[in-house]
C-alpha atoms as a PDB file:
ATOM      1  CA  MET A   1      19.932  38.593  46.019  1.00  0.00           C
ATOM      2  CA  LYS A   2      20.581  34.871  46.543  1.00  0.00           C
ATOM      3  CA  VAL A   3      22.872  33.463  43.867  1.00  0.00           C
ATOM      4  CA  LEU A   4      23.646  29.836  43.090  1.00  0.00           C
ATOM      5  CA  PHE A   5      27.016  29.760  41.342  1.00  0.00           C
ATOM      6  CA  VAL A   6      28.298  26.568  39.708  1.00  0.00           C
ATOM      7  CA  GLU A   7      31.868  26.558  38.417  1.00  0.00           C
ATOM      8  CA  ASP A   8      34.105  23.493  38.528  1.00  0.00           C
ATOM      9  CA  GLU A   9      37.425  25.359  38.278  1.00  0.00           C
ATOM     10  CA  LYS A  10      38.355  26.135  41.882  1.00  0.00           C
ATOM     11  CA  GLU A  11      40.151  29.432  41.269  1.00  0.00           C
ATOM     12  CA  LEU A  12      37.394  30.776  38.997  1.00  0.00           C
ATOM     13  CA  ASN A  13      34.782  29.662  41.522  1.00  0.00           C
ATOM     14  CA  GLU A  14      36.550  31.508  44.340  1.00  0.00           C
ATOM     15  CA  VAL A  15      37.077  34.690  42.302  1.00  0.00           C
ATOM     16  CA  GLY A  16      33.510  34.767  40.952  1.00  0.00           C
ATOM     17  CA  THR A  17      32.038  34.138  44.401  1.00  0.00           C
ATOM     18  CA  ALA A  18      34.150  36.901  45.940  1.00  0.00           C
ATOM     19  CA  GLN A  19      33.155  39.373  43.211  1.00  0.00           C
ATOM     20  CA  MET A  20      29.449  38.717  43.709  1.00  0.00           C
ATOM     21  CA  ARG A  21      29.673  38.762  47.508  1.00  0.00           C
ATOM     22  CA  SER A  22      31.477  42.117  47.313  1.00  0.00           C
ATOM     23  CA  LYS A  23      28.306  43.468  45.677  1.00  0.00           C
ATOM     24  CA  GLY A  24      26.280  42.328  48.705  1.00  0.00           C
ATOM     25  CA  HIS A  25      24.811  39.123  47.287  1.00  0.00           C
ATOM     26  CA  LYS A  26      24.493  35.874  49.213  1.00  0.00           C
ATOM     27  CA  VAL A  27      26.320  33.297  47.078  1.00  0.00           C
ATOM     28  CA  TRP A  28      26.113  29.530  47.324  1.00  0.00           C
ATOM     29  CA  GLN A  29      29.123  28.196  45.480  1.00  0.00           C
ATOM     30  CA  PHE A  30      29.249  24.715  44.008  1.00  0.00           C
ATOM     31  CA  TYR A  31      31.566  22.752  41.765  1.00  0.00           C
ATOM     32  CA  THR A  32      29.203  20.085  40.399  1.00  0.00           C
ATOM     33  CA  VAL A  33      25.776  19.791  38.827  1.00  0.00           C
ATOM     34  CA  GLU A  34      24.854  17.114  41.360  1.00  0.00           C
ATOM     35  CA  ASP A  35      25.539  19.320  44.392  1.00  0.00           C
ATOM     36  CA  ALA A  36      23.780  22.312  42.830  1.00  0.00           C
ATOM     37  CA  ARG A  37      20.786  20.171  41.877  1.00  0.00           C
ATOM     38  CA  ALA A  38      20.375  19.105  45.521  1.00  0.00           C
ATOM     39  CA  VAL A  39      20.250  22.746  46.645  1.00  0.00           C
ATOM     40  CA  ILE A  40      17.771  23.625  43.921  1.00  0.00           C
ATOM     41  CA  LYS A  41      15.495  20.841  45.170  1.00  0.00           C
ATOM     42  CA  SER A  42      15.722  21.952  48.797  1.00  0.00           C
ATOM     43  CA  GLU A  43      16.099  25.744  48.435  1.00  0.00           C
ATOM     44  CA  GLY A  44      14.809  26.412  44.915  1.00  0.00           C
ATOM     45  CA  ASP A  45      12.180  28.924  45.930  1.00  0.00           C
ATOM     46  CA  SER A  46      14.742  31.140  47.640  1.00  0.00           C
ATOM     47  CA  ILE A  47      17.260  31.232  44.758  1.00  0.00           C
ATOM     48  CA  ASP A  48      17.027  34.401  42.667  1.00  0.00           C
ATOM     49  CA  LEU A  49      19.879  33.861  40.217  1.00  0.00           C
ATOM     50  CA  LEU A  50      21.654  30.780  38.870  1.00  0.00           C
ATOM     51  CA  ILE A  51      24.958  31.166  37.037  1.00  0.00           C
ATOM     52  CA  ALA A  52      26.658  28.038  35.734  1.00  0.00           C
ATOM     53  CA  ASP A  53      29.567  27.110  33.543  1.00  0.00           C
ATOM     54  CA  TYR A  54      28.375  25.419  30.369  1.00  0.00           C
ATOM     55  CA  GLN A  55      30.644  22.389  30.679  1.00  0.00           C
ATOM     56  CA  LEU A  56      31.031  21.015  34.202  1.00  0.00           C
ATOM     57  CA  SER A  57      32.857  17.914  35.358  1.00  0.00           C
ATOM     58  CA  ASP A  58      29.607  15.979  35.854  1.00  0.00           C
ATOM     59  CA  GLY A  59      27.303  17.476  33.217  1.00  0.00           C
ATOM     60  CA  GLU A  60      26.225  20.541  31.309  1.00  0.00           C
ATOM     61  CA  GLY A  61      25.173  23.696  33.067  1.00  0.00           C
ATOM     62  CA  ILE A  62      22.415  24.327  30.522  1.00  0.00           C
ATOM     63  CA  HIS A  63      20.521  21.250  31.723  1.00  0.00           C
ATOM     64  CA  LEU A  64      20.785  22.452  35.305  1.00  0.00           C
ATOM     65  CA  LEU A  65      19.456  25.881  34.329  1.00  0.00           C
ATOM     66  CA  MET A  66      16.548  24.411  32.399  1.00  0.00           C
ATOM     67  CA  GLU A  67      15.616  22.184  35.366  1.00  0.00           C
ATOM     68  CA  ALA A  68      15.749  25.180  37.692  1.00  0.00           C
ATOM     69  CA  LYS A  69      13.506  27.227  35.360  1.00  0.00           C
ATOM     70  CA  LEU A  70      10.940  24.409  35.389  1.00  0.00           C
ATOM     71  CA  GLN A  71      10.901  24.472  39.179  1.00  0.00           C
ATOM     72  CA  LYS A  72      10.945  28.258  39.494  1.00  0.00           C
ATOM     73  CA  PRO A  73      10.065  30.084  36.252  1.00  0.00           C
ATOM     74  CA  SER A  74      10.999  33.475  37.717  1.00  0.00           C
ATOM     75  CA  ILE A  75      14.618  32.510  38.415  1.00  0.00           C
ATOM     76  CA  ILE A  76      17.227  34.487  36.486  1.00  0.00           C
ATOM     77  CA  VAL A  77      19.759  32.244  34.763  1.00  0.00           C
ATOM     78  CA  ALA A  78      22.988  32.672  32.828  1.00  0.00           C
ATOM     79  CA  ILE A  79      25.731  30.512  31.348  1.00  0.00           C
ATOM     80  CA  VAL A  80      29.428  31.361  31.383  1.00  0.00           C
ATOM     81  CA  SER A  81      31.996  29.545  29.294  1.00  0.00           C
ATOM     82  CA  ALA A  82      35.465  29.954  27.881  1.00  0.00           C
ATOM     83  CA  TYR A  83      34.303  28.299  24.673  1.00  0.00           C
ATOM     84  CA  LEU A  84      30.896  27.718  23.142  1.00  0.00           C
ATOM     85  CA  SER A  85      30.345  26.129  19.762  1.00  0.00           C
ATOM     86  CA  GLN A  86      27.979  27.756  17.296  1.00  0.00           C
ATOM     87  CA  MET A  87      25.449  24.999  18.003  1.00  0.00           C
ATOM     88  CA  GLU A  88      25.687  25.560  21.787  1.00  0.00           C
ATOM     89  CA  MET A  89      25.205  29.314  21.316  1.00  0.00           C
ATOM     90  CA  GLU A  90      22.136  28.647  19.152  1.00  0.00           C
ATOM     91  CA  THR A  91      20.720  26.333  21.818  1.00  0.00           C
ATOM     92  CA  LEU A  92      21.182  29.014  24.460  1.00  0.00           C
ATOM     93  CA  LYS A  93      19.550  31.636  22.234  1.00  0.00           C
ATOM     94  CA  ASN A  94      16.618  29.309  21.511  1.00  0.00           C
ATOM     95  CA  GLU A  95      16.153  28.682  25.242  1.00  0.00           C
ATOM     96  CA  ASP A  96      16.472  32.434  25.952  1.00  0.00           C
ATOM     97  CA  ILE A  97      19.458  31.866  28.249  1.00  0.00           C
ATOM     98  CA  PRO A  98      22.017  34.689  28.350  1.00  0.00           C
ATOM     99  CA  PHE A  99      25.633  33.633  28.023  1.00  0.00           C
ATOM    100  CA  PHE A 100      28.951  35.256  28.771  1.00  0.00           C
ATOM    101  CA  HIS A 101      32.436  34.381  27.595  1.00  0.00           C
ATOM    102  CA  LYS A 102      35.186  33.843  30.167  1.00  0.00           C
ATOM    103  CA  PRO A 103      37.259  35.493  31.336  1.00  0.00           C
ATOM    104  CA  ILE A 104      34.684  37.886  32.728  1.00  0.00           C
ATOM    105  CA  LEU A 105      34.074  39.979  35.793  1.00  0.00           C
ATOM    106  CA  TYR A 106      31.013  38.629  37.538  1.00  0.00           C
ATOM    107  CA  SER A 107      30.070  42.154  38.535  1.00  0.00           C
ATOM    108  CA  ASP A 108      29.685  42.755  34.771  1.00  0.00           C
ATOM    109  CA  VAL A 109      27.448  39.677  34.507  1.00  0.00           C
ATOM    110  CA  LEU A 110      25.279  41.030  37.333  1.00  0.00           C
ATOM    111  CA  ASN A 111      25.117  44.453  35.689  1.00  0.00           C
ATOM    112  CA  LYS A 112      24.131  42.999  32.301  1.00  0.00           C
ATOM    113  CA  LEU A 113      21.458  40.853  33.952  1.00  0.00           C
ATOM    114  CA  ALA A 114      20.274  44.025  35.753  1.00  0.00           C
ATOM    115  CA  VAL A 115      20.704  42.498  39.199  1.00  0.00           C
ATOM    116  CA  SER A 116      23.645  44.496  40.478  1.00  0.00           C
END
């Protein structure tokens, strides 16, 4: 599976990428919405899964996920966050976007999304 992973905290990005790669997935790791958006435009059809932090240094991961779903409706998406307000959780539920609270093992995220 080809995974686009967007996490702006370097250590969490490295750990999450390593966990998913250890399960045999090809992982493109990014730190910003802007960089991830460029890959979605150029490689969108080949991305199977997009996991993003909710709050990134240059935007919100939810907007990135929604853009990706418009381009490729079959893409699997998920949000991870250390903190989500009740309103943010409701937005994710309304958009049918699964979310996970950090800290988390990304192998657990893959299992829960049934892509392990």
